[in-house]
Amino acid sequence: MTIQVTYRRTGRLSMRIVKNGDVHVSAPIGMPRKEVEQFIEEHRDWIAKARKRSLENQRRRTAFYSQLPLHTRAQADDALRRLKTLIEPMVECHSKEMGVNPSYIRYRAMISRWGVCHIKDKSVCFSAYLLLLPEWCVEHVVVHELCHLLEPSHNARFHALMDKYYPRWREARKETRRRCKMEDDDE
């Protein structure tokens, strides 16, 4: 385990565990190194528990994503065919309802996001791993990305659009996170 200390403009000491299990400590500029070391020492139990929790979350995520094998060309082609069959009718239906028209749809094996909307060229990209989710959760991601064609940010207007076009979106997001133990707020 590595402990990395960064001095920055902050009013207090804080620490977090990053994905690889290392500890990142933020300290106010000018704070003596001795105080920082004491802070770390006082939080050894927290560090051990948080590292264990973080590594367990990583294990769960790995187990979740490994359910969809994409190692061979045949596996990737099969996933793409199933993904198009699932997503394209949803995009067509919701695009008409919302009055949007994505310029094109792409698919990639993304594990950091379920979908991405590129505002400049009005394209959307969906993760192959959506195949691991229930259809109603996939539909939430489709509507989410299409809403970005109307509102780029996650502001009140965006959430109002989600409420209008997919009222179950909060429930779907919660179920999606439960299934894969994602920590990220973005789909």
N, C-alpha and C. Protein backbone atom coordinates (compact mmCIF):
# COMPACT_ATOMS: atom_id res chain seq x y z
N MET A 1 0.85 -1.18 0.00
CA MET A 1 0.00 0.00 0.00
C MET A 1 0.89 1.24 0.00
N THR A 2 0.55 2.17 -0.86
CA THR A 2 1.26 3.43 -0.94
C THR A 2 0.39 4.53 -0.34
N ILE A 3 1.01 5.42 0.42
CA ILE A 3 0.30 6.59 0.95
C ILE A 3 0.87 7.81 0.26
N GLN A 4 0.00 8.53 -0.45
CA GLN A 4 0.42 9.73 -1.18
C GLN A 4 -0.18 10.95 -0.50
N VAL A 5 0.67 11.89 -0.13
CA VAL A 5 0.22 13.11 0.52
C VAL A 5 0.34 14.26 -0.48
N THR A 6 -0.75 15.01 -0.63
CA THR A 6 -0.77 16.17 -1.52
C THR A 6 -1.15 17.39 -0.70
N TYR A 7 -0.35 18.44 -0.81
CA TYR A 7 -0.67 19.70 -0.13
C TYR A 7 -1.44 20.58 -1.10
N ARG A 8 -2.57 21.10 -0.62
CA ARG A 8 -3.41 21.95 -1.47
C ARG A 8 -4.16 22.96 -0.63
N ARG A 9 -4.86 23.83 -1.29
CA ARG A 9 -5.65 24.85 -0.59
C ARG A 9 -6.91 24.21 -0.02
N THR A 10 -6.82 23.73 1.15
CA THR A 10 -7.94 23.11 1.84
C THR A 10 -7.86 23.49 3.31
N GLY A 11 -8.97 23.46 3.98
CA GLY A 11 -8.98 23.88 5.38
C GLY A 11 -8.73 22.75 6.36
N ARG A 12 -8.72 21.49 5.86
CA ARG A 12 -8.57 20.36 6.77
C ARG A 12 -7.90 19.18 6.09
N LEU A 13 -7.49 18.25 6.88
CA LEU A 13 -6.93 17.00 6.37
C LEU A 13 -8.06 16.08 5.93
N SER A 14 -7.84 15.35 4.85
CA SER A 14 -8.80 14.35 4.41
C SER A 14 -8.04 13.23 3.72
N MET A 15 -8.69 12.07 3.64
CA MET A 15 -8.05 10.96 2.94
C MET A 15 -9.11 10.12 2.26
N ARG A 16 -8.67 9.43 1.21
CA ARG A 16 -9.55 8.53 0.50
C ARG A 16 -8.74 7.35 -0.02
N ILE A 17 -9.43 6.28 -0.30
CA ILE A 17 -8.81 5.09 -0.86
C ILE A 17 -9.11 5.11 -2.35
N VAL A 18 -8.09 4.98 -3.18
CA VAL A 18 -8.29 4.94 -4.63
C VAL A 18 -8.45 3.48 -5.08
N LYS A 19 -8.82 3.30 -6.34
CA LYS A 19 -9.18 1.97 -6.84
C LYS A 19 -8.14 0.89 -6.61
N ASN A 20 -6.87 1.23 -6.69
CA ASN A 20 -5.83 0.20 -6.52
C ASN A 20 -5.53 -0.08 -5.05
N GLY A 21 -6.24 0.59 -4.13
CA GLY A 21 -6.05 0.36 -2.71
C GLY A 21 -5.10 1.32 -2.03
N ASP A 22 -4.46 2.20 -2.80
CA ASP A 22 -3.56 3.19 -2.20
C ASP A 22 -4.37 4.25 -1.44
N VAL A 23 -3.68 4.94 -0.54
CA VAL A 23 -4.30 5.98 0.27
C VAL A 23 -3.82 7.34 -0.23
N HIS A 24 -4.77 8.23 -0.53
CA HIS A 24 -4.44 9.59 -0.94
C HIS A 24 -4.89 10.54 0.16
N VAL A 25 -3.93 11.30 0.67
CA VAL A 25 -4.20 12.24 1.75
C VAL A 25 -4.06 13.66 1.20
N SER A 26 -5.04 14.51 1.49
CA SER A 26 -4.97 15.93 1.14
C SER A 26 -4.74 16.70 2.42
N ALA A 27 -3.75 17.58 2.41
CA ALA A 27 -3.41 18.36 3.60
C ALA A 27 -3.32 19.84 3.23
N PRO A 28 -3.67 20.69 4.19
CA PRO A 28 -3.55 22.13 3.92
C PRO A 28 -2.08 22.52 3.66
N ILE A 29 -1.89 23.43 2.75
CA ILE A 29 -0.54 23.94 2.46
C ILE A 29 0.06 24.50 3.74
N GLY A 30 1.28 24.11 4.03
CA GLY A 30 1.98 24.61 5.21
C GLY A 30 1.81 23.77 6.46
N MET A 31 0.95 22.77 6.42
CA MET A 31 0.78 21.91 7.60
C MET A 31 2.04 21.08 7.80
N PRO A 32 2.55 21.02 9.02
CA PRO A 32 3.77 20.23 9.26
C PRO A 32 3.57 18.75 8.95
N ARG A 33 4.58 18.15 8.39
CA ARG A 33 4.56 16.73 8.01
C ARG A 33 4.22 15.85 9.21
N LYS A 34 4.69 16.23 10.38
CA LYS A 34 4.45 15.46 11.61
C LYS A 34 2.94 15.35 11.89
N GLU A 35 2.20 16.45 11.69
CA GLU A 35 0.75 16.45 11.90
C GLU A 35 0.06 15.51 10.91
N VAL A 36 0.54 15.54 9.68
CA VAL A 36 -0.05 14.67 8.64
C VAL A 36 0.20 13.21 9.00
N GLU A 37 1.41 12.90 9.42
CA GLU A 37 1.75 11.52 9.80
C GLU A 37 0.92 11.06 11.00
N GLN A 38 0.70 11.94 11.95
CA GLN A 38 -0.12 11.62 13.12
C GLN A 38 -1.56 11.33 12.69
N PHE A 39 -2.08 12.15 11.78
CA PHE A 39 -3.43 11.95 11.24
C PHE A 39 -3.56 10.56 10.60
N ILE A 40 -2.57 10.21 9.80
CA ILE A 40 -2.58 8.90 9.15
C ILE A 40 -2.54 7.78 10.19
N GLU A 41 -1.66 7.92 11.16
CA GLU A 41 -1.53 6.89 12.20
C GLU A 41 -2.83 6.72 12.99
N GLU A 42 -3.49 7.83 13.30
CA GLU A 42 -4.74 7.78 14.06
C GLU A 42 -5.88 7.11 13.28
N HIS A 43 -5.72 7.05 11.98
CA HIS A 43 -6.77 6.50 11.13
C HIS A 43 -6.40 5.15 10.50
N ARG A 44 -5.42 4.46 11.08
CA ARG A 44 -4.99 3.15 10.55
C ARG A 44 -6.13 2.15 10.46
N ASP A 45 -7.00 2.10 11.50
CA ASP A 45 -8.13 1.17 11.47
C ASP A 45 -9.08 1.52 10.32
N TRP A 46 -9.39 2.81 10.18
CA TRP A 46 -10.27 3.25 9.09
C TRP A 46 -9.66 2.87 7.75
N ILE A 47 -8.36 3.10 7.60
CA ILE A 47 -7.67 2.77 6.34
C ILE A 47 -7.82 1.28 6.02
N ALA A 48 -7.59 0.43 7.01
CA ALA A 48 -7.68 -1.02 6.79
C ALA A 48 -9.09 -1.42 6.37
N LYS A 49 -10.10 -0.89 7.06
CA LYS A 49 -11.49 -1.22 6.72
C LYS A 49 -11.88 -0.68 5.35
N ALA A 50 -11.48 0.55 5.07
CA ALA A 50 -11.83 1.17 3.79
C ALA A 50 -11.14 0.47 2.62
N ARG A 51 -9.89 0.06 2.82
CA ARG A 51 -9.17 -0.68 1.76
C ARG A 51 -9.85 -2.02 1.50
N LYS A 52 -10.26 -2.69 2.56
CA LYS A 52 -10.94 -3.97 2.41
C LYS A 52 -12.24 -3.79 1.64
N ARG A 53 -13.02 -2.76 2.02
CA ARG A 53 -14.28 -2.47 1.34
C ARG A 53 -14.05 -2.12 -0.14
N SER A 54 -13.03 -1.32 -0.40
CA SER A 54 -12.71 -0.92 -1.77
C SER A 54 -12.30 -2.12 -2.63
N LEU A 55 -11.47 -2.98 -2.08
CA LEU A 55 -11.04 -4.16 -2.83
C LEU A 55 -12.20 -5.13 -3.06
N GLU A 56 -13.11 -5.23 -2.10
CA GLU A 56 -14.29 -6.08 -2.27
C GLU A 56 -15.21 -5.51 -3.36
N ASN A 57 -15.37 -4.20 -3.38
CA ASN A 57 -16.16 -3.56 -4.44
C ASN A 57 -15.54 -3.83 -5.81
N GLN A 58 -14.22 -3.74 -5.89
CA GLN A 58 -13.53 -4.02 -7.15
C GLN A 58 -13.75 -5.47 -7.57
N ARG A 59 -13.68 -6.39 -6.61
CA ARG A 59 -13.90 -7.80 -6.91
C ARG A 59 -15.31 -8.02 -7.45
N ARG A 60 -16.30 -7.39 -6.82
CA ARG A 60 -17.69 -7.52 -7.28
C ARG A 60 -17.86 -6.97 -8.68
N ARG A 61 -17.26 -5.81 -8.93
CA ARG A 61 -17.36 -5.21 -10.27
C ARG A 61 -16.74 -6.12 -11.33
N THR A 62 -15.58 -6.67 -11.02
CA THR A 62 -14.90 -7.57 -11.95
C THR A 62 -15.78 -8.80 -12.22
N ALA A 63 -16.36 -9.35 -11.17
CA ALA A 63 -17.23 -10.52 -11.33
C ALA A 63 -18.45 -10.17 -12.18
N PHE A 64 -19.02 -8.99 -11.97
CA PHE A 64 -20.18 -8.57 -12.74
C PHE A 64 -19.84 -8.47 -14.23
N TYR A 65 -18.80 -7.72 -14.55
CA TYR A 65 -18.46 -7.50 -15.96
C TYR A 65 -17.94 -8.75 -16.65
N SER A 66 -17.37 -9.67 -15.91
CA SER A 66 -16.86 -10.90 -16.54
C SER A 66 -17.98 -11.85 -16.95
N GLN A 67 -19.22 -11.53 -16.58
CA GLN A 67 -20.36 -12.34 -17.01
C GLN A 67 -20.60 -12.25 -18.52
N LEU A 68 -20.09 -11.20 -19.14
CA LEU A 68 -20.26 -11.04 -20.58
C LEU A 68 -18.90 -11.24 -21.25
N PRO A 69 -18.65 -12.44 -21.76
CA PRO A 69 -17.35 -12.68 -22.40
C PRO A 69 -17.27 -11.96 -23.74
N LEU A 70 -16.21 -11.20 -23.90
CA LEU A 70 -15.96 -10.46 -25.15
C LEU A 70 -14.53 -10.71 -25.63
N HIS A 71 -14.02 -11.92 -25.38
CA HIS A 71 -12.63 -12.22 -25.67
C HIS A 71 -12.37 -12.57 -27.12
N THR A 72 -13.36 -13.14 -27.79
CA THR A 72 -13.16 -13.55 -29.19
C THR A 72 -13.99 -12.67 -30.10
N ARG A 73 -13.67 -12.72 -31.37
CA ARG A 73 -14.42 -11.95 -32.37
C ARG A 73 -15.87 -12.42 -32.42
N ALA A 74 -16.08 -13.74 -32.31
CA ALA A 74 -17.43 -14.30 -32.35
C ALA A 74 -18.25 -13.80 -31.16
N GLN A 75 -17.65 -13.75 -29.98
CA GLN A 75 -18.35 -13.25 -28.79
C GLN A 75 -18.72 -11.78 -28.95
N ALA A 76 -17.79 -10.99 -29.46
CA ALA A 76 -18.03 -9.56 -29.66
C ALA A 76 -19.12 -9.34 -30.70
N ASP A 77 -19.09 -10.11 -31.79
CA ASP A 77 -20.10 -9.99 -32.84
C ASP A 77 -21.49 -10.36 -32.32
N ASP A 78 -21.55 -11.43 -31.52
CA ASP A 78 -22.82 -11.85 -30.94
C ASP A 78 -23.37 -10.78 -30.00
N ALA A 79 -22.50 -10.21 -29.18
CA ALA A 79 -22.92 -9.15 -28.25
C ALA A 79 -23.43 -7.94 -29.03
N LEU A 80 -22.74 -7.56 -30.09
CA LEU A 80 -23.15 -6.42 -30.90
C LEU A 80 -24.53 -6.66 -31.52
N ARG A 81 -24.75 -7.85 -32.05
CA ARG A 81 -26.03 -8.19 -32.66
C ARG A 81 -27.16 -8.10 -31.61
N ARG A 82 -26.93 -8.67 -30.44
CA ARG A 82 -27.95 -8.64 -29.37
C ARG A 82 -28.18 -7.21 -28.87
N LEU A 83 -27.11 -6.44 -28.78
CA LEU A 83 -27.22 -5.06 -28.32
C LEU A 83 -28.05 -4.21 -29.29
N LYS A 84 -27.77 -4.34 -30.58
CA LYS A 84 -28.54 -3.60 -31.58
C LYS A 84 -30.01 -3.98 -31.53
N THR A 85 -30.29 -5.27 -31.40
CA THR A 85 -31.66 -5.76 -31.34
C THR A 85 -32.40 -5.19 -30.13
N LEU A 86 -31.69 -5.01 -29.04
CA LEU A 86 -32.27 -4.49 -27.81
C LEU A 86 -32.43 -2.97 -27.85
N ILE A 87 -31.37 -2.27 -28.23
CA ILE A 87 -31.32 -0.81 -28.08
C ILE A 87 -31.97 -0.03 -29.22
N GLU A 88 -31.77 -0.46 -30.45
CA GLU A 88 -32.26 0.36 -31.58
C GLU A 88 -33.76 0.60 -31.57
N PRO A 89 -34.60 -0.40 -31.22
CA PRO A 89 -36.04 -0.08 -31.12
C PRO A 89 -36.35 0.93 -30.01
N MET A 90 -35.60 0.87 -28.92
CA MET A 90 -35.80 1.84 -27.83
C MET A 90 -35.43 3.24 -28.29
N VAL A 91 -34.30 3.35 -28.98
CA VAL A 91 -33.87 4.66 -29.48
C VAL A 91 -34.90 5.21 -30.45
N GLU A 92 -35.38 4.37 -31.36
CA GLU A 92 -36.37 4.81 -32.35
C GLU A 92 -37.64 5.32 -31.66
N CYS A 93 -38.15 4.54 -30.72
CA CYS A 93 -39.38 4.91 -30.01
C CYS A 93 -39.22 6.20 -29.23
N HIS A 94 -38.18 6.28 -28.41
CA HIS A 94 -38.00 7.46 -27.55
C HIS A 94 -37.55 8.68 -28.34
N SER A 95 -36.82 8.49 -29.41
CA SER A 95 -36.40 9.63 -30.25
C SER A 95 -37.62 10.34 -30.81
N LYS A 96 -38.58 9.56 -31.30
CA LYS A 96 -39.81 10.15 -31.85
C LYS A 96 -40.57 10.91 -30.77
N GLU A 97 -40.72 10.27 -29.61
CA GLU A 97 -41.46 10.87 -28.50
C GLU A 97 -40.80 12.17 -28.03
N MET A 98 -39.46 12.20 -28.02
CA MET A 98 -38.72 13.33 -27.49
C MET A 98 -38.39 14.39 -28.54
N GLY A 99 -38.56 14.04 -29.80
CA GLY A 99 -38.24 14.99 -30.87
C GLY A 99 -36.75 15.19 -31.07
N VAL A 100 -35.99 14.12 -30.87
CA VAL A 100 -34.54 14.17 -31.10
C VAL A 100 -34.17 13.11 -32.14
N ASN A 101 -33.00 13.28 -32.72
CA ASN A 101 -32.56 12.32 -33.71
C ASN A 101 -31.04 12.19 -33.64
N PRO A 102 -30.54 11.16 -32.95
CA PRO A 102 -29.09 11.00 -32.90
C PRO A 102 -28.53 10.77 -34.30
N SER A 103 -27.38 11.38 -34.58
CA SER A 103 -26.79 11.24 -35.92
C SER A 103 -26.34 9.81 -36.17
N TYR A 104 -25.81 9.17 -35.18
CA TYR A 104 -25.51 7.74 -35.28
C TYR A 104 -25.32 7.15 -33.90
N ILE A 105 -25.39 5.82 -33.86
CA ILE A 105 -25.29 5.07 -32.61
C ILE A 105 -24.10 4.15 -32.71
N ARG A 106 -23.27 4.18 -31.67
CA ARG A 106 -22.11 3.28 -31.61
C ARG A 106 -22.23 2.40 -30.37
N TYR A 107 -21.45 1.34 -30.39
CA TYR A 107 -21.41 0.41 -29.25
C TYR A 107 -19.96 0.09 -28.94
N ARG A 108 -19.63 0.13 -27.66
CA ARG A 108 -18.27 -0.20 -27.22
C ARG A 108 -18.34 -0.95 -25.90
N ALA A 109 -17.30 -1.67 -25.59
CA ALA A 109 -17.23 -2.40 -24.32
C ALA A 109 -16.69 -1.47 -23.23
N MET A 110 -17.53 -0.53 -22.81
CA MET A 110 -17.12 0.45 -21.79
C MET A 110 -17.53 -0.05 -20.41
N ILE A 111 -16.61 0.01 -19.46
CA ILE A 111 -16.98 -0.36 -18.10
C ILE A 111 -17.11 0.86 -17.18
N SER A 112 -16.65 2.00 -17.64
CA SER A 112 -16.73 3.19 -16.79
C SER A 112 -18.05 3.93 -16.98
N ARG A 113 -18.75 3.67 -18.07
CA ARG A 113 -20.02 4.34 -18.34
C ARG A 113 -20.95 3.39 -19.08
N TRP A 114 -22.25 3.59 -18.86
CA TRP A 114 -23.25 2.80 -19.58
C TRP A 114 -23.50 3.40 -20.96
N GLY A 115 -23.37 4.70 -21.05
CA GLY A 115 -23.61 5.37 -22.31
C GLY A 115 -22.94 6.73 -22.32
N VAL A 116 -22.77 7.26 -23.51
CA VAL A 116 -22.15 8.58 -23.69
C VAL A 116 -22.89 9.28 -24.82
N CYS A 117 -23.18 10.56 -24.61
CA CYS A 117 -23.78 11.38 -25.66
C CYS A 117 -22.75 12.43 -26.06
N HIS A 118 -22.44 12.47 -27.35
CA HIS A 118 -21.52 13.47 -27.88
C HIS A 118 -22.37 14.59 -28.49
N ILE A 119 -22.48 15.68 -27.75
CA ILE A 119 -23.36 16.77 -28.12
C ILE A 119 -22.99 17.39 -29.47
N LYS A 120 -21.69 17.57 -29.70
CA LYS A 120 -21.25 18.26 -30.93
C LYS A 120 -21.73 17.57 -32.19
N ASP A 121 -21.59 16.25 -32.24
CA ASP A 121 -22.02 15.56 -33.46
C ASP A 121 -23.34 14.81 -33.28
N LYS A 122 -23.97 14.98 -32.12
CA LYS A 122 -25.28 14.39 -31.80
C LYS A 122 -25.29 12.87 -31.92
N SER A 123 -24.17 12.25 -31.57
CA SER A 123 -24.10 10.78 -31.59
C SER A 123 -24.20 10.24 -30.17
N VAL A 124 -24.59 8.99 -30.08
CA VAL A 124 -24.64 8.33 -28.77
C VAL A 124 -23.89 7.02 -28.87
N CYS A 125 -23.32 6.63 -27.75
CA CYS A 125 -22.56 5.39 -27.68
C CYS A 125 -23.04 4.63 -26.45
N PHE A 126 -23.27 3.34 -26.62
CA PHE A 126 -23.76 2.51 -25.52
C PHE A 126 -22.76 1.40 -25.21
N SER A 127 -22.68 1.05 -23.94
CA SER A 127 -21.78 -0.01 -23.49
C SER A 127 -22.37 -1.38 -23.80
N ALA A 128 -21.52 -2.27 -24.27
CA ALA A 128 -21.93 -3.65 -24.52
C ALA A 128 -22.42 -4.31 -23.24
N TYR A 129 -21.92 -3.84 -22.09
CA TYR A 129 -22.28 -4.44 -20.81
C TYR A 129 -23.72 -4.15 -20.39
N LEU A 130 -24.42 -3.32 -21.16
CA LEU A 130 -25.85 -3.14 -20.91
C LEU A 130 -26.59 -4.47 -21.04
N LEU A 131 -26.02 -5.40 -21.78
CA LEU A 131 -26.62 -6.72 -21.94
C LEU A 131 -26.75 -7.46 -20.61
N LEU A 132 -26.04 -7.02 -19.59
CA LEU A 132 -26.08 -7.66 -18.27
C LEU A 132 -27.20 -7.13 -17.39
N LEU A 133 -27.90 -6.12 -17.88
CA LEU A 133 -28.94 -5.46 -17.09
C LEU A 133 -30.34 -5.85 -17.57
N PRO A 134 -31.34 -5.70 -16.70
CA PRO A 134 -32.72 -5.91 -17.14
C PRO A 134 -33.09 -4.86 -18.19
N GLU A 135 -34.01 -5.22 -19.05
CA GLU A 135 -34.40 -4.34 -20.16
C GLU A 135 -34.86 -2.96 -19.69
N TRP A 136 -35.58 -2.89 -18.58
CA TRP A 136 -36.07 -1.60 -18.11
C TRP A 136 -34.94 -0.70 -17.63
N CYS A 137 -33.84 -1.29 -17.17
CA CYS A 137 -32.67 -0.50 -16.79
C CYS A 137 -31.92 -0.02 -18.03
N VAL A 138 -31.89 -0.84 -19.06
CA VAL A 138 -31.28 -0.44 -20.33
C VAL A 138 -32.05 0.74 -20.91
N GLU A 139 -33.38 0.65 -20.85
CA GLU A 139 -34.21 1.72 -21.39
C GLU A 139 -33.93 3.04 -20.67
N HIS A 140 -33.67 2.97 -19.38
CA HIS A 140 -33.30 4.17 -18.62
C HIS A 140 -32.05 4.82 -19.19
N VAL A 141 -31.05 4.01 -19.53
CA VAL A 141 -29.79 4.54 -20.08
C VAL A 141 -30.06 5.16 -21.45
N VAL A 142 -30.87 4.51 -22.26
CA VAL A 142 -31.20 5.04 -23.59
C VAL A 142 -31.86 6.41 -23.45
N VAL A 143 -32.86 6.52 -22.59
CA VAL A 143 -33.55 7.81 -22.40
C VAL A 143 -32.59 8.84 -21.83
N HIS A 144 -31.73 8.42 -20.90
CA HIS A 144 -30.74 9.32 -20.31
C HIS A 144 -29.88 9.96 -21.41
N GLU A 145 -29.34 9.14 -22.28
CA GLU A 145 -28.46 9.67 -23.34
C GLU A 145 -29.23 10.53 -24.33
N LEU A 146 -30.45 10.15 -24.65
CA LEU A 146 -31.26 10.97 -25.56
C LEU A 146 -31.63 12.30 -24.92
N CYS A 147 -31.86 12.31 -23.62
CA CYS A 147 -32.14 13.58 -22.92
C CYS A 147 -30.96 14.53 -23.02
N HIS A 148 -29.76 13.98 -23.10
CA HIS A 148 -28.59 14.85 -23.25
C HIS A 148 -28.59 15.59 -24.59
N LEU A 149 -29.30 15.09 -25.58
CA LEU A 149 -29.43 15.82 -26.84
C LEU A 149 -30.29 17.08 -26.65
N LEU A 150 -31.10 17.07 -25.61
CA LEU A 150 -31.94 18.23 -25.27
C LEU A 150 -31.31 19.10 -24.19
N GLU A 151 -30.56 18.47 -23.29
CA GLU A 151 -29.91 19.19 -22.18
C GLU A 151 -28.60 18.51 -21.85
N PRO A 152 -27.47 19.16 -22.18
CA PRO A 152 -26.15 18.53 -22.00
C PRO A 152 -25.75 18.21 -20.57
N SER A 153 -26.18 19.01 -19.60
CA SER A 153 -25.71 18.79 -18.23
C SER A 153 -26.76 18.06 -17.39
N HIS A 154 -26.35 17.65 -16.19
CA HIS A 154 -27.26 16.98 -15.27
C HIS A 154 -27.89 18.01 -14.32
N ASN A 155 -28.58 18.97 -14.88
CA ASN A 155 -29.19 20.02 -14.06
C ASN A 155 -30.67 19.74 -13.83
N ALA A 156 -31.38 20.67 -13.25
CA ALA A 156 -32.81 20.49 -12.95
C ALA A 156 -33.63 20.24 -14.21
N ARG A 157 -33.29 20.92 -15.29
CA ARG A 157 -34.03 20.71 -16.55
C ARG A 157 -33.83 19.28 -17.05
N PHE A 158 -32.60 18.78 -16.94
CA PHE A 158 -32.31 17.41 -17.37
C PHE A 158 -33.16 16.43 -16.55
N HIS A 159 -33.18 16.60 -15.23
CA HIS A 159 -33.94 15.70 -14.38
C HIS A 159 -35.44 15.81 -14.66
N ALA A 160 -35.91 16.99 -15.00
CA ALA A 160 -37.33 17.15 -15.37
C ALA A 160 -37.62 16.39 -16.66
N LEU A 161 -36.69 16.43 -17.60
CA LEU A 161 -36.86 15.68 -18.85
C LEU A 161 -36.89 14.18 -18.57
N MET A 162 -36.00 13.73 -17.68
CA MET A 162 -36.00 12.31 -17.31
C MET A 162 -37.32 11.93 -16.65
N ASP A 163 -37.81 12.78 -15.77
CA ASP A 163 -39.11 12.53 -15.11
C ASP A 163 -40.23 12.42 -16.15
N LYS A 164 -40.17 13.25 -17.15
CA LYS A 164 -41.21 13.27 -18.19
C LYS A 164 -41.13 12.03 -19.08
N TYR A 165 -39.93 11.70 -19.55
CA TYR A 165 -39.80 10.64 -20.56
C TYR A 165 -39.53 9.24 -19.99
N TYR A 166 -39.06 9.16 -18.76
CA TYR A 166 -38.85 7.85 -18.13
C TYR A 166 -39.00 8.00 -16.62
N PRO A 167 -40.25 8.08 -16.13
CA PRO A 167 -40.50 8.36 -14.73
C PRO A 167 -39.84 7.37 -13.75
N ARG A 168 -39.53 6.17 -14.19
CA ARG A 168 -38.91 5.17 -13.30
C ARG A 168 -37.39 5.29 -13.28
N TRP A 169 -36.84 6.38 -13.76
CA TRP A 169 -35.39 6.45 -13.93
C TRP A 169 -34.63 6.32 -12.62
N ARG A 170 -35.13 6.87 -11.55
CA ARG A 170 -34.42 6.77 -10.26
C ARG A 170 -34.37 5.32 -9.78
N GLU A 171 -35.49 4.65 -9.93
CA GLU A 171 -35.57 3.24 -9.55
C GLU A 171 -34.64 2.39 -10.43
N ALA A 172 -34.61 2.69 -11.72
CA ALA A 172 -33.73 1.96 -12.65
C ALA A 172 -32.26 2.20 -12.33
N ARG A 173 -31.92 3.44 -12.03
CA ARG A 173 -30.54 3.76 -11.68
C ARG A 173 -30.12 3.02 -10.41
N LYS A 174 -31.01 2.99 -9.43
CA LYS A 174 -30.73 2.30 -8.18
C LYS A 174 -30.52 0.80 -8.42
N GLU A 175 -31.37 0.20 -9.24
CA GLU A 175 -31.25 -1.23 -9.55
C GLU A 175 -29.97 -1.53 -10.31
N THR A 176 -29.62 -0.66 -11.24
CA THR A 176 -28.39 -0.83 -12.01
C THR A 176 -27.18 -0.80 -11.08
N ARG A 177 -27.14 0.16 -10.19
CA ARG A 177 -26.03 0.26 -9.25
C ARG A 177 -25.98 -0.93 -8.30
N ARG A 178 -27.14 -1.40 -7.89
CA ARG A 178 -27.20 -2.56 -7.00
C ARG A 178 -26.60 -3.79 -7.68
N ARG A 179 -26.91 -3.95 -8.94
CA ARG A 179 -26.44 -5.14 -9.67
C ARG A 179 -24.93 -5.14 -9.88
N CYS A 180 -24.36 -4.01 -10.15
CA CYS A 180 -22.93 -4.00 -10.50
C CYS A 180 -22.07 -3.30 -9.46
N LYS A 181 -22.69 -2.74 -8.43
CA LYS A 181 -21.95 -2.06 -7.37
C LYS A 181 -21.13 -0.90 -7.91
N MET A 182 -21.67 -0.17 -8.89
CA MET A 182 -20.95 0.98 -9.43
C MET A 182 -20.96 2.11 -8.42
N GLU A 183 -19.84 2.79 -8.33
CA GLU A 183 -19.73 3.94 -7.44
C GLU A 183 -19.95 5.24 -8.19
N ASP A 184 -19.80 5.20 -9.53
CA ASP A 184 -19.86 6.40 -10.35
C ASP A 184 -21.30 6.93 -10.43
N ASP A 185 -21.46 8.24 -10.47
CA ASP A 185 -22.78 8.85 -10.57
C ASP A 185 -23.29 8.94 -11.99
N ASP A 186 -22.43 8.84 -12.93
CA ASP A 186 -22.84 9.00 -14.31
C ASP A 186 -23.14 7.65 -14.94
N GLU A 187 -24.08 7.64 -15.88
CA GLU A 187 -24.41 6.38 -16.55
C GLU A 187 -23.51 6.14 -17.70
